[in-house]
């Protein structure tokens, strides 16, 4: 996967647009590997092939645009789309959980969900579905997208700098850290959910 992403991104005039597009798509189609693309962009920037500033801007802008697109889907097509997009039992329970959590701590949930694949889709969609105030949603998606881009991009960048001659090692270290963060967030969320029942 690293080789195909680096081939697509490396030395290409389209690199930043590709990062933007992948971050955008991942907001409503969670199987798209946005963290992988941003971390890879960061690794390549660490090796001097891309600008880290532009990688971060492209990732944050793509995340922001995608989250707001997903919000619009929830607002415009709500119940009909929720039956299509969230078919499985787990997806439905995530949607129900997000709905309840939005009422208690909306802003924190929007920011935290950006770091959980699938969680960001359910959260943005539910915000639109439940008419969560859009101006507030915009503010929190700017914060979330910025932190997420900094986290993934700089993780790759410093990994690429550390292993400049063997970028795949930098990528592996960055993925290990990113995976640990994601699993930790999921475990904490699961424990809090269990304790609140």
Protein backbone atom coordinates (compact mmCIF):
# COMPACT_ATOMS: atom_id res chain seq x y z
CA UNK A 1 0.00 0.00 0.00
CA UNK A 2 2.86 2.39 0.85
CA UNK A 3 4.41 1.94 -2.60
CA UNK A 4 1.15 2.60 -4.45
CA UNK A 5 0.43 5.69 -2.32
CA UNK A 6 3.96 7.03 -2.66
CA UNK A 7 3.81 6.45 -6.43
CA UNK A 8 0.55 8.42 -6.59
CA UNK A 9 1.72 11.22 -4.32
CA UNK A 10 5.51 11.42 -4.74
CA UNK A 11 6.78 14.14 -7.03
CA UNK A 12 3.32 14.73 -8.43
CA UNK A 13 1.79 18.14 -9.00
CA UNK A 14 -1.44 16.47 -7.91
CA UNK A 15 -0.11 15.28 -4.53
CA UNK A 16 -1.94 17.85 -2.43
CA UNK A 17 -5.16 17.46 -4.38
CA UNK A 18 -4.96 13.67 -3.91
CA UNK A 19 -4.50 14.14 -0.12
CA UNK A 20 -7.42 16.60 -0.06
CA UNK A 21 -9.61 14.19 -2.08
CA UNK A 22 -8.85 11.16 0.08
CA UNK A 23 -9.49 13.12 3.31
CA UNK A 24 -12.75 14.41 1.80
CA UNK A 25 -13.97 10.96 0.70
CA UNK A 26 -13.12 9.32 4.01
CA UNK A 27 -15.58 11.58 5.83
CA UNK A 28 -18.56 9.80 4.26
CA UNK A 29 -16.95 6.63 2.86
CA UNK A 30 -14.90 5.33 5.81
CA UNK A 31 -13.03 2.57 3.97
CA UNK A 32 -10.95 5.23 2.20
CA UNK A 33 -7.51 5.33 3.92
CA UNK A 34 -7.22 9.02 4.81
CA UNK A 35 -4.81 8.59 7.73
CA UNK A 36 -2.61 6.47 5.48
CA UNK A 37 -2.56 9.17 2.80
CA UNK A 38 -1.81 11.99 5.26
CA UNK A 39 0.86 10.00 7.12
CA UNK A 40 2.42 9.03 3.77
CA UNK A 41 2.37 12.67 2.69
CA UNK A 42 4.07 13.56 5.98
CA UNK A 43 6.74 10.88 5.48
CA UNK A 44 7.43 12.17 1.95
CA UNK A 45 7.61 15.73 3.31
CA UNK A 46 10.08 14.51 5.92
CA UNK A 47 12.21 13.22 3.05
CA UNK A 48 12.01 16.57 1.24
CA UNK A 49 9.68 15.45 -1.56
CA UNK A 50 6.63 17.48 -0.46
CA UNK A 51 5.91 20.58 1.59
CA UNK A 52 4.67 19.65 5.07
CA UNK A 53 2.71 22.90 5.28
CA UNK A 54 0.76 22.08 2.11
CA UNK A 55 0.21 18.47 3.22
CA UNK A 56 -1.33 19.76 6.47
CA UNK A 57 -3.50 22.36 4.70
CA UNK A 58 -4.73 19.81 2.13
CA UNK A 59 -5.56 17.24 4.84
CA UNK A 60 -7.36 19.73 7.11
CA UNK A 61 -9.31 21.28 4.22
CA UNK A 62 -10.34 17.84 2.91
CA UNK A 63 -11.47 16.72 6.36
CA UNK A 64 -13.45 19.94 6.89
CA UNK A 65 -15.12 19.77 3.47
CA UNK A 66 -15.94 16.07 3.87
CA UNK A 67 -17.42 16.48 7.33
CA UNK A 68 -19.63 19.32 6.13
CA UNK A 69 -20.69 17.34 3.06
CA UNK A 70 -21.69 14.44 5.36
CA UNK A 71 -23.57 16.89 7.60
CA UNK A 72 -25.48 18.08 4.49
CA UNK A 73 -26.30 14.47 3.56
CA UNK A 74 -27.76 13.93 7.03
CA UNK A 75 -29.74 17.15 6.89
CA UNK A 76 -31.11 16.70 3.36
CA UNK A 77 -31.62 12.95 3.09
CA UNK A 78 -31.70 11.93 6.76
CA UNK A 79 -33.76 8.85 7.56
CA UNK A 80 -33.70 7.39 4.04
CA UNK A 81 -29.89 7.50 3.82
CA UNK A 82 -29.36 6.28 7.39
CA UNK A 83 -31.05 2.99 6.47
CA UNK A 84 -28.67 2.62 3.51
CA UNK A 85 -25.40 3.91 5.00
CA UNK A 86 -25.83 2.39 8.45
CA UNK A 87 -27.30 -1.02 7.67
CA UNK A 88 -25.50 -3.31 10.08
CA UNK A 89 -26.26 -3.79 13.75
CA UNK A 90 -22.96 -2.18 14.81
CA UNK A 91 -23.52 0.80 12.50
CA UNK A 92 -27.03 1.32 13.89
CA UNK A 93 -25.80 1.12 17.49
CA UNK A 94 -23.03 3.64 16.67
CA UNK A 95 -25.64 5.99 15.21
CA UNK A 96 -27.84 5.65 18.31
CA UNK A 97 -24.88 6.20 20.62
CA UNK A 98 -23.78 9.30 18.67
CA UNK A 99 -27.29 10.75 18.83
CA UNK A 100 -27.34 10.48 22.64
CA UNK A 101 -23.77 11.70 23.05
CA UNK A 102 -24.40 14.79 20.88
CA UNK A 103 -27.00 15.98 23.34
CA UNK A 104 -24.60 15.64 26.28
CA UNK A 105 -21.28 16.81 24.80
CA UNK A 106 -21.64 17.75 21.14
CA UNK A 107 -18.42 19.71 20.55
CA UNK A 108 -16.16 17.23 22.29
CA UNK A 109 -17.76 14.36 20.39
CA UNK A 110 -17.29 16.07 16.99
CA UNK A 111 -13.59 16.66 17.70
CA UNK A 112 -12.95 13.19 19.16
CA UNK A 113 -14.90 11.37 16.43
CA UNK A 114 -12.54 12.75 13.79
CA UNK A 115 -9.92 10.34 15.15
CA UNK A 116 -12.20 7.28 14.92
CA UNK A 117 -12.70 5.75 11.45
CA UNK A 118 -16.44 5.35 10.95
CA UNK A 119 -17.12 7.46 14.04
CA UNK A 120 -16.52 10.67 12.11
CA UNK A 121 -19.06 9.59 9.46
CA UNK A 122 -21.73 8.66 12.00
CA UNK A 123 -21.17 11.87 13.98
CA UNK A 124 -21.28 14.29 11.05
CA UNK A 125 -24.28 12.51 9.53
CA UNK A 126 -26.15 12.48 12.85
CA UNK A 127 -25.40 16.17 13.38
CA UNK A 128 -27.16 16.89 10.09
CA UNK A 129 -29.96 14.42 10.78
CA UNK A 130 -30.74 15.94 14.19
CA UNK A 131 -30.31 19.57 13.00
CA UNK A 132 -27.33 20.18 15.29
CA UNK A 133 -26.60 23.92 14.86
CA UNK A 134 -24.50 24.24 11.70
CA UNK A 135 -22.43 27.23 12.86
CA UNK A 136 -21.36 25.32 15.94
CA UNK A 137 -20.69 22.24 13.80
CA UNK A 138 -18.47 24.32 11.46
CA UNK A 139 -16.43 25.64 14.39
CA UNK A 140 -15.85 22.16 15.83
CA UNK A 141 -15.03 20.64 12.41
CA UNK A 142 -12.40 23.33 11.85
CA UNK A 143 -10.82 22.43 15.20
CA UNK A 144 -11.16 18.68 14.57
CA UNK A 145 -9.80 18.81 11.01
CA UNK A 146 -6.84 20.95 12.06
CA UNK A 147 -5.87 18.71 14.99
CA UNK A 148 -6.34 15.56 12.90
CA UNK A 149 -4.19 16.91 10.05
CA UNK A 150 -1.46 18.01 12.48
CA UNK A 151 -1.55 14.64 14.24
CA UNK A 152 -1.36 12.45 11.11
CA UNK A 153 0.84 14.74 9.01
CA UNK A 154 3.42 15.48 11.70
CA UNK A 155 3.48 11.85 12.79
CA UNK A 156 4.52 10.95 9.25
CA UNK A 157 6.84 13.94 8.93
CA UNK A 158 8.88 13.18 12.04
CA UNK A 159 8.89 9.47 11.16
CA UNK A 160 10.20 10.39 7.69
CA UNK A 161 12.84 12.68 9.19
CA UNK A 162 13.97 10.03 11.66
CA UNK A 163 14.27 7.32 8.99
CA UNK A 164 15.14 9.55 6.03
CA UNK A 165 16.97 6.81 4.11
CA UNK A 166 14.39 4.11 4.91
CA UNK A 167 11.02 5.83 4.69
CA UNK A 168 9.10 2.59 5.11
CA UNK A 169 10.42 2.36 8.69
CA UNK A 170 9.15 5.86 9.42
CA UNK A 171 5.79 4.86 8.00
CA UNK A 172 5.62 1.72 10.15
CA UNK A 173 6.44 3.66 13.33
CA UNK A 174 3.85 6.33 12.45
CA UNK A 175 1.17 3.68 11.77
CA UNK A 176 1.97 1.89 15.03
CA UNK A 177 1.50 5.12 16.98
CA UNK A 178 -1.68 6.04 15.06
CA UNK A 179 -3.10 2.55 15.62
CA UNK A 180 -2.37 2.75 19.33
CA UNK A 181 -4.12 6.13 19.61
CA UNK A 182 -7.20 4.84 17.73
CA UNK A 183 -7.45 1.67 19.82
CA UNK A 184 -7.02 3.67 23.05
CA UNK A 185 -9.82 6.07 22.09
CA UNK A 186 -12.11 3.14 21.22
CA UNK A 187 -11.35 1.32 24.50
CA UNK A 188 -11.99 4.46 26.57
CA UNK A 189 -15.23 5.13 24.68
CA UNK A 190 -16.37 1.53 25.18
CA UNK A 191 -15.58 1.58 28.91
CA UNK A 192 -17.37 4.91 29.41
CA UNK A 193 -20.38 3.64 27.51
CA UNK A 194 -20.48 0.44 29.59
CA UNK A 195 -20.12 2.34 32.88
CA UNK A 196 -22.94 4.75 31.97
CA UNK A 197 -25.42 1.84 31.45
